[in-house]
PDB file of all heavy atoms in Angstrom:
ATOM      1  N   ILE A   1       0.772  -1.202   0.013  1.00  0.00           N
ATOM      2  CA  ILE A   1      -0.022  -0.011  -0.003  1.00  0.00           C
ATOM      3  C   ILE A   1       0.889   1.272   0.016  1.00  0.00           C
ATOM      4  O   ILE A   1       0.536   2.288  -0.587  1.00  0.00           O
ATOM      5  CB  ILE A   1      -0.944  -0.014   1.179  1.00  0.00           C
ATOM      6  CG1 ILE A   1      -2.002  -1.127   0.986  1.00  0.00           C
ATOM      7  CG2 ILE A   1      -1.671   1.303   1.386  1.00  0.00           C
ATOM      8  CD1 ILE A   1      -3.005  -1.358   2.086  1.00  0.00           C
ATOM      9  N   MET A   2       2.006   1.211   0.688  1.00  0.00           N
ATOM     10  CA  MET A   2       2.852   2.426   0.598  1.00  0.00           C
ATOM     11  C   MET A   2       3.443   2.594  -0.813  1.00  0.00           C
ATOM     12  O   MET A   2       3.411   3.756  -1.272  1.00  0.00           O
ATOM     13  CB  MET A   2       4.145   2.047   1.612  1.00  0.00           C
ATOM     14  CG  MET A   2       3.792   2.145   3.057  1.00  0.00           C
ATOM     15  SD  MET A   2       4.936   1.139   4.119  1.00  0.00           S
ATOM     16  CE  MET A   2       6.510   1.944   3.698  1.00  0.00           C
ATOM     17  N   ALA A   3       3.697   1.533  -1.374  1.00  0.00           N
ATOM     18  CA  ALA A   3       4.142   1.683  -2.954  1.00  0.00           C
ATOM     19  C   ALA A   3       2.988   2.157  -3.769  1.00  0.00           C
ATOM     20  O   ALA A   3       3.376   3.094  -4.666  1.00  0.00           O
ATOM     21  CB  ALA A   3       4.709   0.383  -3.434  1.00  0.00           C
ATOM     22  N   ALA A   4       1.873   1.539  -3.576  1.00  0.00           N
ATOM     23  CA  ALA A   4       0.729   2.014  -4.518  1.00  0.00           C
ATOM     24  C   ALA A   4       0.435   3.577  -4.270  1.00  0.00           C
ATOM     25  O   ALA A   4       0.206   4.330  -5.172  1.00  0.00           O
ATOM     26  CB  ALA A   4      -0.493   1.238  -4.017  1.00  0.00           C
ATOM     27  N   SER A   5       0.590   3.981  -2.977  1.00  0.00           N
ATOM     28  CA  SER A   5       0.453   5.441  -2.805  1.00  0.00           C
ATOM     29  C   SER A   5       1.459   6.261  -3.458  1.00  0.00           C
ATOM     30  O   SER A   5       1.207   7.291  -3.964  1.00  0.00           O
ATOM     31  CB  SER A   5       0.450   5.810  -1.228  1.00  0.00           C
ATOM     32  OG  SER A   5      -0.692   5.332  -0.683  1.00  0.00           O
ATOM     33  N   THR A   6       2.754   5.933  -3.422  1.00  0.00           N
ATOM     34  CA  THR A   6       3.854   6.636  -3.967  1.00  0.00           C
ATOM     35  C   THR A   6       3.646   6.782  -5.530  1.00  0.00           C
ATOM     36  O   THR A   6       3.759   7.835  -6.029  1.00  0.00           O
ATOM     37  CB  THR A   6       5.153   5.948  -3.653  1.00  0.00           C
ATOM     38  OG1 THR A   6       5.415   5.944  -2.300  1.00  0.00           O
ATOM     39  CG2 THR A   6       6.272   6.592  -4.462  1.00  0.00           C
ATOM     40  N   VAL A   7       3.291   5.714  -6.144  1.00  0.00           N
ATOM     41  CA  VAL A   7       3.215   5.720  -7.614  1.00  0.00           C
ATOM     42  C   VAL A   7       1.896   6.221  -7.930  1.00  0.00           C
ATOM     43  O   VAL A   7       1.660   6.891  -8.961  1.00  0.00           O
ATOM     44  CB  VAL A   7       3.501   4.347  -8.210  1.00  0.00           C
ATOM     45  CG1 VAL A   7       3.360   4.436  -9.723  1.00  0.00           C
ATOM     46  CG2 VAL A   7       4.923   3.832  -7.797  1.00  0.00           C
ATOM     47  N   ASP A   8       0.782   5.742  -7.247  1.00  0.00           N
ATOM     48  CA  ASP A   8      -0.650   6.231  -7.408  1.00  0.00           C
ATOM     49  C   ASP A   8      -1.138   5.771  -8.777  1.00  0.00           C
ATOM     50  O   ASP A   8      -1.675   6.602  -9.578  1.00  0.00           O
ATOM     51  CB  ASP A   8      -0.818   7.776  -7.227  1.00  0.00           C
ATOM     52  CG  ASP A   8      -2.228   8.136  -6.984  1.00  0.00           C
ATOM     53  OD1 ASP A   8      -2.841   7.333  -6.187  1.00  0.00           O
ATOM     54  OD2 ASP A   8      -2.723   9.271  -7.370  1.00  0.00           O
ATOM     55  N   ILE A   9      -1.058   4.505  -9.042  1.00  0.00           N
ATOM     56  CA  ILE A   9      -1.901   3.864 -10.099  1.00  0.00           C
ATOM     57  C   ILE A   9      -2.927   3.063  -9.357  1.00  0.00           C
ATOM     58  O   ILE A   9      -2.800   2.698  -8.219  1.00  0.00           O
ATOM     59  CB  ILE A   9      -1.016   3.021 -11.096  1.00  0.00           C
ATOM     60  CG1 ILE A   9      -0.363   1.741 -10.264  1.00  0.00           C
ATOM     61  CG2 ILE A   9       0.079   3.786 -11.784  1.00  0.00           C
ATOM     62  CD1 ILE A   9       0.213   0.738 -11.207  1.00  0.00           C
ATOM     63  N   PRO A  10      -4.139   2.796 -10.118  1.00  0.00           N
ATOM     64  CA  PRO A  10      -5.177   1.969  -9.504  1.00  0.00           C
ATOM     65  C   PRO A  10      -4.539   0.719  -8.962  1.00  0.00           C
ATOM     66  O   PRO A  10      -3.825  -0.004  -9.523  1.00  0.00           O
ATOM     67  CB  PRO A  10      -6.160   1.702 -10.713  1.00  0.00           C
ATOM     68  CG  PRO A  10      -5.921   2.812 -11.588  1.00  0.00           C
ATOM     69  CD  PRO A  10      -4.394   3.231 -11.491  1.00  0.00           C
ATOM     70  N   ALA A  11      -4.901   0.329  -7.607  1.00  0.00           N
ATOM     71  CA  ALA A  11      -4.358  -0.743  -6.913  1.00  0.00           C
ATOM     72  C   ALA A  11      -5.461  -1.364  -6.099  1.00  0.00           C
ATOM     73  O   ALA A  11      -6.364  -0.731  -5.505  1.00  0.00           O
ATOM     74  CB  ALA A  11      -3.212  -0.306  -6.231  1.00  0.00           C
ATOM     75  N   ILE A  12      -5.339  -2.607  -5.858  1.00  0.00           N
ATOM     76  CA  ILE A  12      -6.170  -3.430  -4.980  1.00  0.00           C
ATOM     77  C   ILE A  12      -5.451  -4.511  -4.331  1.00  0.00           C
ATOM     78  O   ILE A  12      -4.510  -5.079  -4.916  1.00  0.00           O
ATOM     79  CB  ILE A  12      -7.458  -4.003  -5.830  1.00  0.00           C
ATOM     80  CG1 ILE A  12      -8.485  -4.612  -4.915  1.00  0.00           C
ATOM     81  CG2 ILE A  12      -6.879  -4.944  -6.861  1.00  0.00           C
ATOM     82  CD1 ILE A  12      -9.723  -5.009  -5.624  1.00  0.00           C
ATOM     83  N   THR A  13      -5.568  -4.919  -3.082  1.00  0.00           N
ATOM     84  CA  THR A  13      -4.892  -5.893  -2.363  1.00  0.00           C
ATOM     85  C   THR A  13      -5.697  -7.138  -2.305  1.00  0.00           C
ATOM     86  O   THR A  13      -6.955  -7.133  -2.220  1.00  0.00           O
ATOM     87  CB  THR A  13      -4.608  -5.441  -0.943  1.00  0.00           C
ATOM     88  OG1 THR A  13      -5.768  -5.366  -0.149  1.00  0.00           O
ATOM     89  CG2 THR A  13      -3.789  -4.190  -0.854  1.00  0.00           C
ATOM     90  N   LEU A  14      -5.025  -8.269  -2.372  1.00  0.00           N
ATOM     91  CA  LEU A  14      -5.668  -9.580  -2.179  1.00  0.00           C
ATOM     92  C   LEU A  14      -4.858 -10.301  -1.179  1.00  0.00           C
ATOM     93  O   LEU A  14      -3.671 -10.671  -1.384  1.00  0.00           O
ATOM     94  CB  LEU A  14      -5.639 -10.430  -3.512  1.00  0.00           C
ATOM     95  CG  LEU A  14      -6.196 -11.845  -3.437  1.00  0.00           C
ATOM     96  CD1 LEU A  14      -7.662 -11.872  -3.237  1.00  0.00           C
ATOM     97  CD2 LEU A  14      -5.649 -12.704  -4.517  1.00  0.00           C
ATOM     98  N   ASN A  15      -5.565 -10.563  -0.117  1.00  0.00           N
ATOM     99  CA  ASN A  15      -4.980 -11.485   1.020  1.00  0.00           C
ATOM    100  C   ASN A  15      -4.959 -12.873   0.672  1.00  0.00           C
ATOM    101  O   ASN A  15      -5.870 -13.358   0.097  1.00  0.00           O
ATOM    102  CB  ASN A  15      -5.780 -11.155   2.287  1.00  0.00           C
ATOM    103  CG  ASN A  15      -5.373 -12.022   3.439  1.00  0.00           C
ATOM    104  OD1 ASN A  15      -4.185 -12.560   3.558  1.00  0.00           O
ATOM    105  ND2 ASN A  15      -6.181 -12.259   4.318  1.00  0.00           N
ATOM    106  N   GLY A  16      -3.847 -13.606   0.963  1.00  0.00           N
ATOM    107  CA  GLY A  16      -3.729 -15.132   0.711  1.00  0.00           C
ATOM    108  C   GLY A  16      -4.497 -15.906   1.715  1.00  0.00           C
ATOM    109  O   GLY A  16      -4.904 -17.103   1.431  1.00  0.00           O
ATOM    110  N   GLY A  17      -4.900 -15.271   2.896  1.00  0.00           N
ATOM    111  CA  GLY A  17      -5.731 -15.921   3.804  1.00  0.00           C
ATOM    112  C   GLY A  17      -4.999 -16.671   4.938  1.00  0.00           C
ATOM    113  O   GLY A  17      -3.924 -17.118   4.771  1.00  0.00           O
ATOM    114  N   PRO A  18      -5.746 -16.579   6.197  1.00  0.00           N
ATOM    115  CA  PRO A  18      -5.079 -17.355   7.284  1.00  0.00           C
ATOM    116  C   PRO A  18      -5.163 -18.891   7.130  1.00  0.00           C
ATOM    117  O   PRO A  18      -5.860 -19.407   6.385  1.00  0.00           O
ATOM    118  CB  PRO A  18      -6.025 -16.860   8.473  1.00  0.00           C
ATOM    119  CG  PRO A  18      -7.267 -16.542   7.746  1.00  0.00           C
ATOM    120  CD  PRO A  18      -6.993 -16.084   6.443  1.00  0.00           C
ATOM    121  N   MET A  19      -4.307 -19.552   8.031  1.00  0.00           N
ATOM    122  CA  MET A  19      -4.437 -21.072   8.126  1.00  0.00           C
ATOM    123  C   MET A  19      -5.726 -21.375   8.634  1.00  0.00           C
ATOM    124  O   MET A  19      -6.363 -20.703   9.342  1.00  0.00           O
ATOM    125  CB  MET A  19      -3.378 -21.653   8.932  1.00  0.00           C
ATOM    126  CG  MET A  19      -1.834 -21.372   8.319  1.00  0.00           C
ATOM    127  SD  MET A  19      -0.594 -21.896   9.336  1.00  0.00           S
ATOM    128  CE  MET A  19      -0.544 -20.831  10.667  1.00  0.00           C
ATOM    129  N   LEU A  20      -6.069 -22.763   8.470  1.00  0.00           N
ATOM    130  CA  LEU A  20      -7.156 -23.281   9.234  1.00  0.00           C
ATOM    131  C   LEU A  20      -6.815 -23.162  10.705  1.00  0.00           C
ATOM    132  O   LEU A  20      -5.703 -23.150  11.098  1.00  0.00           O
ATOM    133  CB  LEU A  20      -7.409 -24.778   8.814  1.00  0.00           C
ATOM    134  CG  LEU A  20      -7.721 -24.937   7.350  1.00  0.00           C
ATOM    135  CD1 LEU A  20      -7.820 -26.448   6.916  1.00  0.00           C
ATOM    136  CD2 LEU A  20      -9.044 -24.284   6.828  1.00  0.00           C
ATOM    137  N   ASP A  21      -7.938 -23.417  11.629  1.00  0.00           N
ATOM    138  CA  ASP A  21      -7.784 -23.417  12.948  1.00  0.00           C
ATOM    139  C   ASP A  21      -6.751 -24.559  13.456  1.00  0.00           C
ATOM    140  O   ASP A  21      -6.920 -25.660  12.869  1.00  0.00           O
ATOM    141  CB  ASP A  21      -9.041 -23.604  13.742  1.00  0.00           C
ATOM    142  CG  ASP A  21      -9.902 -22.309  13.647  1.00  0.00           C
ATOM    143  OD1 ASP A  21      -9.415 -21.314  12.979  1.00  0.00           O
ATOM    144  OD2 ASP A  21     -11.012 -22.419  14.072  1.00  0.00           O
ATOM    145  N   GLY A  22      -5.845 -24.181  14.332  1.00  0.00           N
ATOM    146  CA  GLY A  22      -4.995 -25.221  14.926  1.00  0.00           C
ATOM    147  C   GLY A  22      -5.534 -25.930  16.146  1.00  0.00           C
ATOM    148  O   GLY A  22      -6.215 -25.243  16.982  1.00  0.00           O
ATOM    149  N   TRP A  23      -5.389 -27.251  16.289  1.00  0.00           N
ATOM    150  CA  TRP A  23      -5.892 -27.966  17.370  1.00  0.00           C
ATOM    151  C   TRP A  23      -4.831 -28.801  17.981  1.00  0.00           C
ATOM    152  O   TRP A  23      -4.114 -29.498  17.272  1.00  0.00           O
ATOM    153  CB  TRP A  23      -7.078 -28.961  16.994  1.00  0.00           C
ATOM    154  CG  TRP A  23      -8.277 -28.206  16.705  1.00  0.00           C
ATOM    155  CD1 TRP A  23      -8.722 -27.500  15.444  1.00  0.00           C
ATOM    156  CD2 TRP A  23      -9.404 -27.594  17.574  1.00  0.00           C
ATOM    157  NE1 TRP A  23      -9.828 -26.967  15.461  1.00  0.00           N
ATOM    158  CE2 TRP A  23     -10.316 -26.909  16.708  1.00  0.00           C
ATOM    159  CE3 TRP A  23      -9.588 -27.703  19.018  1.00  0.00           C
ATOM    160  CZ2 TRP A  23     -11.536 -26.399  17.308  1.00  0.00           C
ATOM    161  CZ3 TRP A  23     -10.669 -27.295  19.414  1.00  0.00           C
ATOM    162  CH2 TRP A  23     -11.633 -26.527  18.650  1.00  0.00           C
ATOM    163  N   HIS A  24      -4.700 -28.903  19.271  1.00  0.00           N
ATOM    164  CA  HIS A  24      -3.677 -29.805  20.037  1.00  0.00           C
ATOM    165  C   HIS A  24      -4.512 -30.404  21.165  1.00  0.00           C
ATOM    166  O   HIS A  24      -4.807 -29.668  22.153  1.00  0.00           O
ATOM    167  CB  HIS A  24      -2.535 -29.014  20.527  1.00  0.00           C
ATOM    168  CG  HIS A  24      -1.553 -29.802  21.190  1.00  0.00           C
ATOM    169  ND1 HIS A  24      -0.656 -30.746  20.614  1.00  0.00           N
ATOM    170  CD2 HIS A  24      -1.303 -29.981  22.652  1.00  0.00           C
ATOM    171  CE1 HIS A  24       0.050 -31.258  21.663  1.00  0.00           C
ATOM    172  NE2 HIS A  24      -0.258 -30.820  22.781  1.00  0.00           N
ATOM    173  N   GLU A  25      -4.759 -31.631  21.055  1.00  0.00           N
ATOM    174  CA  GLU A  25      -5.456 -32.421  22.111  1.00  0.00           C
ATOM    175  C   GLU A  25      -6.741 -31.777  22.505  1.00  0.00           C
ATOM    176  O   GLU A  25      -6.966 -31.455  23.695  1.00  0.00           O
ATOM    177  CB  GLU A  25      -4.533 -32.687  23.368  1.00  0.00           C
ATOM    178  CG  GLU A  25      -3.311 -33.468  22.944  1.00  0.00           C
ATOM    179  CD  GLU A  25      -2.283 -33.691  24.141  1.00  0.00           C
ATOM    180  OE1 GLU A  25      -2.567 -33.042  25.144  1.00  0.00           O
ATOM    181  OE2 GLU A  25      -1.383 -34.402  24.015  1.00  0.00           O
ATOM    182  N   ASN A  26      -7.560 -31.428  21.516  1.00  0.00           N
ATOM    183  CA  ASN A  26      -8.914 -30.852  21.613  1.00  0.00           C
ATOM    184  C   ASN A  26      -8.847 -29.398  22.208  1.00  0.00           C
ATOM    185  O   ASN A  26      -9.887 -28.904  22.739  1.00  0.00           O
ATOM    186  CB  ASN A  26      -9.724 -31.713  22.549  1.00  0.00           C
ATOM    187  CG  ASN A  26     -10.108 -33.033  21.967  1.00  0.00           C
ATOM    188  OD1 ASN A  26     -10.311 -33.160  20.808  1.00  0.00           O
ATOM    189  ND2 ASN A  26      -9.960 -34.164  22.812  1.00  0.00           N
ATOM    190  N   GLU A  27      -7.712 -28.706  22.110  1.00  0.00           N
ATOM    191  CA  GLU A  27      -7.552 -27.386  22.521  1.00  0.00           C
ATOM    192  C   GLU A  27      -7.166 -26.583  21.295  1.00  0.00           C
ATOM    193  O   GLU A  27      -6.284 -26.850  20.568  1.00  0.00           O
ATOM    194  CB  GLU A  27      -6.470 -27.266  23.554  1.00  0.00           C
ATOM    195  CG  GLU A  27      -6.168 -25.769  24.036  1.00  0.00           C
ATOM    196  CD  GLU A  27      -4.890 -25.736  24.931  1.00  0.00           C
ATOM    197  OE1 GLU A  27      -4.235 -26.771  25.269  1.00  0.00           O
ATOM    198  OE2 GLU A  27      -4.519 -24.552  25.310  1.00  0.00           O
TER     199      GLU A  27
END
């Protein structure tokens, strides 16, 4: 986003997403 502001061409971000929930011994 810092770079998009500096250059100022149309820009959109796409997050790759978080991992699935982690579980250890039902916790």
